[in-house]
N, C-alpha and C. Protein backbone atom coordinates (compact mmCIF):
# COMPACT_ATOMS: atom_id res chain seq x y z
N MET A 1 81.08 185.86 155.00
CA MET A 1 80.54 184.86 154.10
C MET A 1 81.55 184.57 153.01
N THR A 2 81.46 183.42 152.49
CA THR A 2 82.34 183.00 151.41
C THR A 2 81.60 183.14 150.09
N PHE A 3 82.33 183.54 149.09
CA PHE A 3 81.75 183.67 147.76
C PHE A 3 82.25 182.53 146.89
N VAL A 4 81.38 182.02 146.07
CA VAL A 4 81.77 180.99 145.11
C VAL A 4 81.39 181.46 143.71
N GLN A 5 82.16 181.03 142.76
CA GLN A 5 81.89 181.39 141.38
C GLN A 5 80.57 180.76 140.94
N GLY A 6 79.77 181.50 140.25
CA GLY A 6 78.49 181.00 139.76
C GLY A 6 78.68 180.01 138.63
N ASP A 7 77.72 179.91 137.77
CA ASP A 7 77.74 178.92 136.69
C ASP A 7 78.48 179.45 135.46
N GLY A 8 79.69 179.98 135.66
CA GLY A 8 80.48 180.44 134.54
C GLY A 8 80.33 181.93 134.27
N HIS A 9 79.40 182.58 134.93
CA HIS A 9 79.21 184.02 134.76
C HIS A 9 80.10 184.76 135.73
N SER A 10 80.23 186.04 135.53
CA SER A 10 81.09 186.83 136.40
C SER A 10 80.43 187.17 137.73
N ASP A 11 79.12 186.94 137.86
CA ASP A 11 78.48 187.25 139.13
C ASP A 11 78.84 186.20 140.18
N MET A 12 78.88 186.62 141.43
CA MET A 12 79.24 185.74 142.52
C MET A 12 78.00 185.50 143.38
N THR A 13 77.84 184.29 143.87
CA THR A 13 76.72 183.99 144.76
C THR A 13 77.28 183.69 146.14
N ARG A 14 76.48 183.99 147.15
CA ARG A 14 76.93 183.79 148.52
C ARG A 14 76.68 182.35 148.94
N LEU A 15 77.66 181.79 149.65
CA LEU A 15 77.52 180.46 150.22
C LEU A 15 77.28 180.63 151.71
N HIS A 16 76.18 180.09 152.20
CA HIS A 16 75.82 180.26 153.60
C HIS A 16 76.92 179.70 154.50
N PRO A 17 77.30 180.43 155.57
CA PRO A 17 78.40 179.98 156.42
C PRO A 17 78.16 178.62 157.09
N VAL A 18 76.91 178.26 157.27
CA VAL A 18 76.62 176.97 157.90
C VAL A 18 77.10 175.82 157.02
N ARG A 19 77.18 176.04 155.71
CA ARG A 19 77.67 174.99 154.81
C ARG A 19 79.10 174.58 155.19
N HIS A 20 79.93 175.54 155.58
CA HIS A 20 81.29 175.23 156.00
C HIS A 20 81.28 174.43 157.30
N LEU A 21 80.37 174.80 158.20
CA LEU A 21 80.25 174.07 159.46
C LEU A 21 79.79 172.64 159.20
N LEU A 22 78.86 172.47 158.28
CA LEU A 22 78.39 171.12 157.94
C LEU A 22 79.51 170.27 157.36
N ARG A 23 80.37 170.88 156.58
CA ARG A 23 81.50 170.16 156.02
C ARG A 23 82.40 169.64 157.14
N ALA A 24 82.68 170.48 158.12
CA ALA A 24 83.51 170.07 159.26
C ALA A 24 82.80 169.01 160.09
N LYS A 25 81.50 169.16 160.27
CA LYS A 25 80.71 168.17 161.03
C LYS A 25 80.73 166.83 160.32
N ASP A 26 80.60 166.83 159.01
CA ASP A 26 80.65 165.59 158.23
C ASP A 26 82.01 164.90 158.38
N VAL A 27 83.07 165.70 158.41
CA VAL A 27 84.41 165.13 158.59
C VAL A 27 84.51 164.50 159.98
N ALA A 28 83.98 165.17 161.00
CA ALA A 28 84.00 164.61 162.36
C ALA A 28 83.21 163.30 162.41
N ASP A 29 82.10 163.24 161.68
CA ASP A 29 81.29 162.01 161.65
C ASP A 29 82.01 160.86 160.96
N SER A 30 82.68 161.14 159.87
CA SER A 30 83.27 160.07 159.06
C SER A 30 84.71 159.73 159.46
N ARG A 31 85.42 160.69 160.04
CA ARG A 31 86.83 160.45 160.36
C ARG A 31 87.09 160.56 161.85
N TYR A 32 86.11 160.16 162.68
CA TYR A 32 86.22 160.28 164.14
C TYR A 32 87.41 159.52 164.70
N ARG A 33 87.91 158.51 163.99
CA ARG A 33 89.05 157.70 164.46
C ARG A 33 90.36 158.48 164.39
N GLU A 34 90.40 159.47 163.54
CA GLU A 34 91.63 160.23 163.30
C GLU A 34 91.83 161.27 164.39
N PRO A 35 93.07 161.74 164.55
CA PRO A 35 93.35 162.75 165.57
C PRO A 35 92.85 164.14 165.14
N LEU A 36 91.55 164.32 165.23
CA LEU A 36 90.95 165.60 164.86
C LEU A 36 90.91 166.51 166.08
N ASP A 37 91.15 167.78 165.86
CA ASP A 37 90.99 168.76 166.93
C ASP A 37 90.39 170.02 166.31
N VAL A 38 90.16 171.02 167.15
CA VAL A 38 89.50 172.23 166.68
C VAL A 38 90.27 172.91 165.55
N PRO A 39 91.59 173.08 165.63
CA PRO A 39 92.29 173.71 164.50
C PRO A 39 92.13 172.97 163.18
N VAL A 40 92.14 171.65 163.22
CA VAL A 40 91.96 170.87 161.98
C VAL A 40 90.55 171.07 161.42
N LEU A 41 89.54 170.96 162.29
CA LEU A 41 88.16 171.13 161.84
C LEU A 41 87.90 172.57 161.38
N ALA A 42 88.50 173.53 162.07
CA ALA A 42 88.35 174.94 161.69
C ALA A 42 88.95 175.18 160.30
N ALA A 43 90.07 174.55 160.02
CA ALA A 43 90.69 174.70 158.70
C ALA A 43 89.78 174.13 157.61
N ILE A 44 89.12 173.03 157.91
CA ILE A 44 88.20 172.44 156.95
C ILE A 44 87.04 173.39 156.67
N ALA A 45 86.61 174.11 157.71
CA ALA A 45 85.50 175.06 157.58
C ALA A 45 85.97 176.43 157.08
N HIS A 46 87.27 176.59 156.89
CA HIS A 46 87.83 177.87 156.44
C HIS A 46 87.52 179.01 157.41
N LEU A 47 87.65 178.71 158.72
CA LEU A 47 87.41 179.70 159.76
C LEU A 47 88.55 179.64 160.77
N SER A 48 88.71 180.71 161.55
CA SER A 48 89.69 180.67 162.63
C SER A 48 89.17 179.71 163.71
N PRO A 49 90.05 179.10 164.49
CA PRO A 49 89.60 178.15 165.51
C PRO A 49 88.59 178.74 166.51
N ALA A 50 88.83 179.96 166.97
CA ALA A 50 87.91 180.56 167.95
C ALA A 50 86.54 180.84 167.32
N HIS A 51 86.54 181.42 166.13
CA HIS A 51 85.28 181.71 165.45
C HIS A 51 84.55 180.41 165.10
N PHE A 52 85.30 179.41 164.63
CA PHE A 52 84.71 178.12 164.31
C PHE A 52 84.03 177.51 165.54
N SER A 53 84.71 177.51 166.67
CA SER A 53 84.13 176.93 167.89
C SER A 53 82.83 177.62 168.28
N ARG A 54 82.83 178.95 168.22
CA ARG A 54 81.60 179.70 168.57
C ARG A 54 80.47 179.39 167.60
N GLN A 55 80.78 179.41 166.31
CA GLN A 55 79.76 179.17 165.30
C GLN A 55 79.24 177.72 165.34
N PHE A 56 80.13 176.78 165.57
CA PHE A 56 79.75 175.37 165.64
C PHE A 56 78.79 175.15 166.80
N ARG A 57 79.13 175.70 167.96
CA ARG A 57 78.27 175.54 169.13
C ARG A 57 76.92 176.21 168.91
N CYS A 58 76.93 177.35 168.29
CA CYS A 58 75.68 178.06 168.00
C CYS A 58 74.82 177.24 167.04
N ALA A 59 75.42 176.63 166.05
CA ALA A 59 74.67 175.89 165.03
C ALA A 59 74.21 174.51 165.51
N PHE A 60 75.05 173.81 166.30
CA PHE A 60 74.77 172.42 166.62
C PHE A 60 74.55 172.14 168.10
N GLY A 61 74.75 173.13 168.96
CA GLY A 61 74.46 172.96 170.38
C GLY A 61 75.59 172.37 171.21
N ASP A 62 76.63 171.88 170.60
CA ASP A 62 77.80 171.33 171.28
C ASP A 62 79.05 171.99 170.74
N THR A 63 80.10 172.00 171.55
CA THR A 63 81.38 172.45 171.03
C THR A 63 81.89 171.38 170.07
N PRO A 64 82.82 171.71 169.20
CA PRO A 64 83.36 170.69 168.29
C PRO A 64 83.95 169.50 169.06
N HIS A 65 84.63 169.76 170.16
CA HIS A 65 85.21 168.68 170.95
C HIS A 65 84.12 167.78 171.55
N GLN A 66 83.08 168.38 172.10
CA GLN A 66 81.97 167.60 172.66
C GLN A 66 81.31 166.75 171.57
N TYR A 67 81.10 167.34 170.41
CA TYR A 67 80.47 166.62 169.31
C TYR A 67 81.31 165.41 168.89
N LEU A 68 82.60 165.64 168.72
CA LEU A 68 83.50 164.56 168.31
C LEU A 68 83.55 163.47 169.38
N MET A 69 83.61 163.85 170.64
CA MET A 69 83.65 162.87 171.73
C MET A 69 82.36 162.05 171.76
N THR A 70 81.23 162.69 171.52
CA THR A 70 79.96 161.97 171.48
C THR A 70 79.96 160.94 170.36
N ARG A 71 80.43 161.31 169.17
CA ARG A 71 80.51 160.35 168.07
C ARG A 71 81.39 159.17 168.45
N ARG A 72 82.54 159.45 169.06
CA ARG A 72 83.46 158.38 169.44
C ARG A 72 82.84 157.45 170.48
N LEU A 73 82.16 158.03 171.47
CA LEU A 73 81.55 157.21 172.51
C LEU A 73 80.38 156.39 171.97
N GLU A 74 79.61 156.96 171.05
CA GLU A 74 78.52 156.19 170.43
C GLU A 74 79.07 154.99 169.65
N ARG A 75 80.16 155.21 168.93
CA ARG A 75 80.76 154.12 168.18
C ARG A 75 81.34 153.08 169.13
N ALA A 76 81.95 153.53 170.21
CA ALA A 76 82.49 152.60 171.21
C ALA A 76 81.37 151.75 171.81
N ALA A 77 80.23 152.37 172.10
CA ALA A 77 79.09 151.62 172.65
C ALA A 77 78.63 150.56 171.66
N ALA A 78 78.58 150.90 170.38
CA ALA A 78 78.18 149.92 169.37
C ALA A 78 79.17 148.77 169.31
N LEU A 79 80.46 149.06 169.40
CA LEU A 79 81.47 148.00 169.38
C LEU A 79 81.39 147.13 170.63
N LEU A 80 81.08 147.74 171.76
CA LEU A 80 80.93 146.96 172.99
C LEU A 80 79.74 146.01 172.89
N ARG A 81 78.67 146.45 172.23
CA ARG A 81 77.47 145.62 172.07
C ARG A 81 77.67 144.50 171.07
N THR A 82 78.44 144.74 170.04
CA THR A 82 78.45 143.83 168.90
C THR A 82 79.74 143.05 168.70
N THR A 83 80.78 143.34 169.48
CA THR A 83 82.04 142.62 169.31
C THR A 83 82.53 142.13 170.66
N ASP A 84 83.58 141.32 170.61
CA ASP A 84 84.21 140.88 171.85
C ASP A 84 85.60 141.50 172.00
N ARG A 85 85.84 142.59 171.31
CA ARG A 85 87.12 143.29 171.40
C ARG A 85 87.31 143.83 172.81
N THR A 86 88.56 143.96 173.23
CA THR A 86 88.84 144.47 174.57
C THR A 86 88.49 145.96 174.65
N VAL A 87 88.29 146.43 175.87
CA VAL A 87 87.98 147.84 176.08
C VAL A 87 89.14 148.70 175.57
N ALA A 88 90.37 148.27 175.82
CA ALA A 88 91.53 149.03 175.36
C ALA A 88 91.57 149.09 173.83
N ASP A 89 91.26 147.99 173.18
CA ASP A 89 91.25 147.96 171.72
C ASP A 89 90.17 148.88 171.16
N ILE A 90 89.00 148.86 171.78
CA ILE A 90 87.90 149.73 171.35
C ILE A 90 88.27 151.19 171.57
N CYS A 91 88.89 151.48 172.69
CA CYS A 91 89.33 152.85 172.98
C CYS A 91 90.21 153.37 171.84
N LEU A 92 91.19 152.59 171.45
CA LEU A 92 92.10 153.00 170.37
C LEU A 92 91.40 153.02 169.02
N ALA A 93 90.47 152.10 168.81
CA ALA A 93 89.76 152.02 167.53
C ALA A 93 88.89 153.23 167.26
N VAL A 94 88.40 153.88 168.30
CA VAL A 94 87.54 155.04 168.10
C VAL A 94 88.32 156.36 168.17
N GLY A 95 89.63 156.27 168.23
CA GLY A 95 90.46 157.47 168.15
C GLY A 95 90.86 158.08 169.47
N LEU A 96 90.67 157.37 170.57
CA LEU A 96 91.09 157.88 171.87
C LEU A 96 92.41 157.25 172.27
N ARG A 97 93.17 157.93 173.11
CA ARG A 97 94.52 157.48 173.44
C ARG A 97 94.65 156.89 174.84
N SER A 98 93.79 157.28 175.76
CA SER A 98 93.92 156.86 177.15
C SER A 98 92.71 156.05 177.58
N VAL A 99 92.95 154.81 178.02
CA VAL A 99 91.86 153.95 178.45
C VAL A 99 91.20 154.54 179.70
N GLY A 100 91.98 155.13 180.59
CA GLY A 100 91.43 155.75 181.79
C GLY A 100 90.48 156.89 181.47
N SER A 101 90.90 157.78 180.57
CA SER A 101 90.04 158.89 180.16
C SER A 101 88.82 158.38 179.41
N PHE A 102 89.01 157.35 178.59
CA PHE A 102 87.89 156.75 177.87
C PHE A 102 86.86 156.20 178.85
N THR A 103 87.32 155.46 179.86
CA THR A 103 86.41 154.88 180.84
C THR A 103 85.66 155.96 181.61
N THR A 104 86.35 157.03 181.98
CA THR A 104 85.71 158.14 182.70
C THR A 104 84.67 158.82 181.81
N SER A 105 85.04 159.13 180.57
CA SER A 105 84.10 159.79 179.64
C SER A 105 82.91 158.90 179.33
N PHE A 106 83.16 157.61 179.14
CA PHE A 106 82.08 156.67 178.86
C PHE A 106 81.13 156.61 180.05
N GLY A 107 81.67 156.58 181.25
CA GLY A 107 80.85 156.56 182.45
C GLY A 107 79.98 157.80 182.58
N ARG A 108 80.52 158.95 182.25
CA ARG A 108 79.73 160.19 182.29
C ARG A 108 78.59 160.15 181.27
N ALA A 109 78.88 159.62 180.09
CA ALA A 109 77.89 159.61 179.01
C ALA A 109 76.82 158.54 179.21
N PHE A 110 77.21 157.36 179.68
CA PHE A 110 76.28 156.22 179.74
C PHE A 110 75.91 155.80 181.16
N GLY A 111 76.58 156.36 182.17
CA GLY A 111 76.24 156.05 183.55
C GLY A 111 76.87 154.78 184.08
N VAL A 112 77.61 154.05 183.27
CA VAL A 112 78.29 152.82 183.68
C VAL A 112 79.64 152.75 182.96
N THR A 113 80.51 151.90 183.47
CA THR A 113 81.80 151.70 182.80
C THR A 113 81.59 150.92 181.51
N PRO A 114 82.56 150.94 180.61
CA PRO A 114 82.41 150.15 179.38
C PRO A 114 82.17 148.66 179.66
N THR A 115 82.86 148.10 180.64
CA THR A 115 82.68 146.69 180.96
C THR A 115 81.27 146.42 181.48
N GLU A 116 80.77 147.29 182.35
CA GLU A 116 79.40 147.14 182.86
C GLU A 116 78.38 147.28 181.73
N TYR A 117 78.64 148.20 180.83
CA TYR A 117 77.76 148.40 179.67
C TYR A 117 77.70 147.13 178.83
N ARG A 118 78.85 146.55 178.57
CA ARG A 118 78.90 145.32 177.78
C ARG A 118 78.11 144.21 178.47
N LEU A 119 78.30 144.05 179.76
CA LEU A 119 77.59 143.00 180.50
C LEU A 119 76.08 143.24 180.47
N ALA A 120 75.66 144.48 180.64
CA ALA A 120 74.23 144.80 180.65
C ALA A 120 73.59 144.57 179.29
N THR A 121 74.30 144.86 178.23
CA THR A 121 73.72 144.70 176.89
C THR A 121 73.87 143.29 176.36
N SER A 122 74.77 142.50 176.92
CA SER A 122 74.95 141.14 176.41
C SER A 122 73.95 140.17 177.02
N GLN A 123 73.21 140.57 178.03
CA GLN A 123 72.24 139.68 178.66
C GLN A 123 70.96 139.57 177.85
N HIS A 124 70.81 140.38 176.85
CA HIS A 124 69.65 140.31 175.99
C HIS A 124 69.91 139.30 174.88
N VAL A 125 68.88 138.65 174.43
CA VAL A 125 69.01 137.71 173.32
C VAL A 125 69.27 138.51 172.06
N ARG A 126 70.31 138.16 171.36
CA ARG A 126 70.64 138.85 170.11
C ARG A 126 69.96 138.15 168.96
N ILE A 127 69.25 138.93 168.19
CA ILE A 127 68.57 138.41 167.01
C ILE A 127 69.34 138.89 165.80
N PRO A 128 69.69 137.99 164.91
CA PRO A 128 70.44 138.41 163.71
C PRO A 128 69.69 139.50 162.95
N THR A 129 70.45 140.45 162.42
CA THR A 129 69.87 141.57 161.69
C THR A 129 68.99 141.11 160.54
N CYS A 130 69.40 140.06 159.85
CA CYS A 130 68.60 139.59 158.71
C CYS A 130 67.22 139.12 159.16
N VAL A 131 67.13 138.53 160.35
CA VAL A 131 65.85 138.07 160.88
C VAL A 131 64.99 139.27 161.26
N VAL A 132 65.58 140.25 161.92
CA VAL A 132 64.85 141.45 162.30
C VAL A 132 64.30 142.16 161.07
N GLN A 133 65.13 142.30 160.04
CA GLN A 133 64.70 142.98 158.82
C GLN A 133 63.60 142.21 158.11
N ALA A 134 63.71 140.90 158.07
CA ALA A 134 62.69 140.09 157.41
C ALA A 134 61.36 140.18 158.16
N HIS A 135 61.41 140.19 159.46
CA HIS A 135 60.19 140.27 160.26
C HIS A 135 59.55 141.67 160.17
N ALA A 136 60.39 142.69 160.06
CA ALA A 136 59.89 144.06 160.03
C ALA A 136 59.42 144.48 158.64
N ARG A 137 59.71 143.70 157.63
CA ARG A 137 59.36 144.06 156.26
C ARG A 137 57.84 144.09 156.09
N PRO A 138 57.30 145.16 155.52
CA PRO A 138 55.85 145.23 155.32
C PRO A 138 55.40 144.18 154.30
N LEU A 139 54.18 143.73 154.44
CA LEU A 139 53.65 142.71 153.55
C LEU A 139 53.60 143.19 152.11
N SER A 140 53.40 144.48 151.90
CA SER A 140 53.28 145.00 150.54
C SER A 140 54.59 144.89 149.77
N SER A 141 55.70 144.64 150.45
CA SER A 141 56.98 144.54 149.73
C SER A 141 57.22 143.14 149.21
N ARG A 142 56.24 142.26 149.30
CA ARG A 142 56.41 140.88 148.85
C ARG A 142 55.98 140.70 147.39
N PHE A 143 56.04 141.75 146.61
CA PHE A 143 55.66 141.64 145.21
C PHE A 143 56.79 141.02 144.42
N ARG A 144 56.47 140.53 143.26
CA ARG A 144 57.47 139.95 142.38
C ARG A 144 57.40 140.66 141.05
N GLU A 145 58.50 141.19 140.61
CA GLU A 145 58.52 141.94 139.37
C GLU A 145 58.38 141.04 138.16
N ASP A 146 58.69 139.75 138.28
CA ASP A 146 58.62 138.87 137.13
C ASP A 146 57.22 138.31 136.90
N LYS A 147 56.28 138.65 137.75
CA LYS A 147 54.89 138.20 137.59
C LYS A 147 54.09 139.36 137.00
N PRO A 148 53.07 139.06 136.23
CA PRO A 148 52.22 140.13 135.71
C PRO A 148 51.52 140.86 136.86
N ALA A 149 51.17 142.10 136.61
CA ALA A 149 50.55 142.92 137.66
C ALA A 149 49.19 142.38 138.06
N THR A 150 48.52 141.61 137.20
CA THR A 150 47.19 141.10 137.52
C THR A 150 47.23 139.81 138.33
N ALA A 151 48.39 139.21 138.45
CA ALA A 151 48.49 137.97 139.22
C ALA A 151 48.30 138.27 140.70
N PRO A 152 47.62 137.37 141.42
CA PRO A 152 47.43 137.61 142.86
C PRO A 152 48.76 137.53 143.60
N LEU A 153 48.86 138.32 144.66
CA LEU A 153 50.05 138.30 145.49
C LEU A 153 50.07 137.01 146.30
N PRO A 154 51.23 136.44 146.50
CA PRO A 154 51.29 135.25 147.34
C PRO A 154 50.89 135.61 148.77
N SER A 155 50.18 134.70 149.42
CA SER A 155 49.77 134.98 150.80
C SER A 155 50.97 134.80 151.72
N PRO A 156 51.03 135.60 152.77
CA PRO A 156 52.16 135.48 153.70
C PRO A 156 52.11 134.14 154.41
N PRO A 157 53.26 133.63 154.84
CA PRO A 157 53.26 132.35 155.52
C PRO A 157 52.47 132.44 156.82
N ASP A 158 51.83 131.31 157.16
CA ASP A 158 51.06 131.29 158.40
C ASP A 158 52.02 131.38 159.57
N ARG A 159 51.61 132.19 160.52
CA ARG A 159 52.39 132.33 161.74
C ARG A 159 51.65 131.60 162.84
N PRO A 160 52.34 130.81 163.63
CA PRO A 160 51.65 130.09 164.70
C PRO A 160 51.09 131.08 165.72
N THR A 161 49.90 130.78 166.18
CA THR A 161 49.29 131.62 167.21
C THR A 161 49.23 130.84 168.50
N THR A 162 49.26 131.57 169.57
CA THR A 162 49.19 130.92 170.89
C THR A 162 47.92 131.37 171.57
N GLN A 163 46.85 130.67 171.26
CA GLN A 163 45.56 130.98 171.91
C GLN A 163 45.33 129.97 173.00
N GLU A 164 45.04 130.49 174.14
CA GLU A 164 44.75 129.60 175.26
C GLU A 164 43.25 129.43 175.31
N GLY A 165 42.80 128.24 175.48
CA GLY A 165 41.37 128.05 175.41
C GLY A 165 40.85 127.03 176.25
């Protein structure tokens, strides 16, 4: 366990070892584009690479490499859905070096190649995020702070109904 100085007193308090693992996990989440490997993440966690790998897997269920690859593939899937960037460009953008390895790993994770994934997800009608958020907003959030609390709330706009009769 690591000790950290308390609040200015001479007594030392213990810092739970999982905190170091969380720090490394946070770095993998935020800096997935960078060339991270087990020794780099282990150094962030202040552990030896072998001990770090064992502890990380015990705490999070995946090895550090598996975890980082999952983050990269999830980000790649999001880019395939939302951009028209090439597969090679996306591969490099998420921190991978080989398009062939990227395609193989993506296929294992998603069951289809990146190109097939893009085609399958592009056939759906895309609704702008602002429209989705406006539609999903609860009616109670339509209050106005500049109106007195006793004023009636404005009624929501009428939505057309499709009743067959």
